[in-house]
Structures are given as structure tokens and as C-alpha cells.
């Protein structure tokens, strides 16, 4: 859709060839490919490159952190975009917000989670800071490409996985190879996806084509978020009524302890260097202010 938008808005002057993960380069390696100029554009989530740019994780999702609209507000109009661009500058990359999953589910498990001890020894596909938190609970976080998850679950390579929500979870068929579906998605309350752009190549473009890329990314950002909101409700009903899946809520004890581990993991990330500290502080300052607003509006409306 992004490629189609760009081609139509540019009157055919710019055409983008789209490749799925693993077609042109191995899955999860588009950060390096765009950085070194092998390709001009990539799409993903910043927690996948945590080993290369740890601070980038703040621009995807923070466990128990801001929701989708709050994170978007921080990035689009709250100064987060400038910090994001600064973070990727040394990699010759220009990041742009380009999609959101909205709130996610807690994941699919082959064992019941009744206490925090049930996470001990659990092998789970979960990336980013959520994975760090799981490790603190005694679990083992595994990062694999989406196309490999079903097979890994089926073969017992992993015991659990998170993905997104009912819409894509149903399409992936996780209900066929797991027993329990948990909520809420404490690890990703509103995940931002990114467009990675090779900055030198981008700056070579005429200004109107640069603007077209920006606007196409924003259009995809809104469309994707709304698509998940629309389809998750439909596919949750399908999972429950047609596949007899019974969603379970994580026990309060489990969520409370995961929140403790999250604070430790985020503070460890923030202590890595001056850049991480500044971004963490900016994130926290924005969150504190926006929570004040949410506290007398949405939280009251929803009874939170």
C-alpha cells in the first residue's frame, strides 16, 4: 500500500519494488541493508535492532508504557521524532513513523500462567524490552521472524509466543498449536512500526518526492492502526465462537511482578549512556504530562 500511494501521488515518477522478509535479504536484517545502502527503504519495528541501537526501543513500545495514541503524540508532535532521528543519525538512517498495531494481546501459551513462577524456564518468542522482562522472571526470550513462529510452536522449540492480536493471530493459526490465549499485552501496549530510509539517498530526491514519502508513511500509519482496531474485534469473535478459544486474563500477581521487572529493565536501558538517559527522561516527562490529561478524560470514561 505504501508503494502504491507513493507511485500514485508522484504520478508514476517514483516506483518502489516491495520484497517480503527473506526474499531479498534475511528476515530481521533490513536495518543493516538500508544503513549500508543495499536497499533504500525498509519496514520494521525498532526493538528488532536493539543489539545495534538500544535506545531505539523507546520508539517502538515500552512495557506498561504509553498506549498507541500517546506514543504517536510523543513522536509526531511531542519532540520524540527529533530524538529518534538523532538516534539513527550515525547509521545513515532516517526513521519515520509508519504504522501501529495498537494494543496487543499477551500471547499464546502451552501452559497455564497462574503465578510468576510459571514463567520460570518458559521459552517464549518475545522481542525487545518485553523479552528482557521475561528473562528477569526466569524465562528465556527468543526472537525469530514471524514466518518461523508456527513451526517452532508446533515442534516444541518454544513454549509460547506473542504476536499482535486476534486479527493476525488467527491468520497465523496459533490457536491450532497452543492451549491458552492471554491478555493484556503488557509488553506492547501500543507498538509503533517504522519506515527506515537511507538518509543520503533520501536527501538526493527532489523536495516534492521527499514530501510524498513522508505523507505516504503518515497515511499508512493511520490506516494500519485503524485496520487493527476494526479487524481485531471481528477476529476475536471468530476465535471465541468458531474456534472455541477462551481468552484468559493474566493474574494480578503476575502483572504486578512483571511491572517491577519492567522498571528494572527500563532503568538498565536508560543507564547505558547519555543518549539513552535523555530519551528515557523525555519519554517519562511526556508520559507524566499526558497521563494527567488522560486521568480526567479517558480513564474516567472507561472507569479506569
Foldseek 3Di string as FASTA:
>chain_A
DLQVLLCVVVVNPDGDDDDDAPPPDHHLPVLLCCLVVVDFKDKWAQLSVCVPQVLSNLLFFAQQADWAVLSCCCCPPVPVLVLNQVSCVVSLKRKAFFAKLTWFFQWFFQDDFQALQVLAAFEEADTGLLQQLSVVSNHHYDHDDPVCVVVCLQVVVGGIYTDGALQVCVVSVSLVRGAATEDDNSGGNMTTMIMIGNNVVLVVDDPVSNVSSNVSRVVNHVVRNVVSVVRRVVRVCCCCPVVVHDYDYRDPNNVVSSVVSSVVSLVVSCPPDDSSVVSVVSSVVSRVVVVVVCVVPVCVVVVD
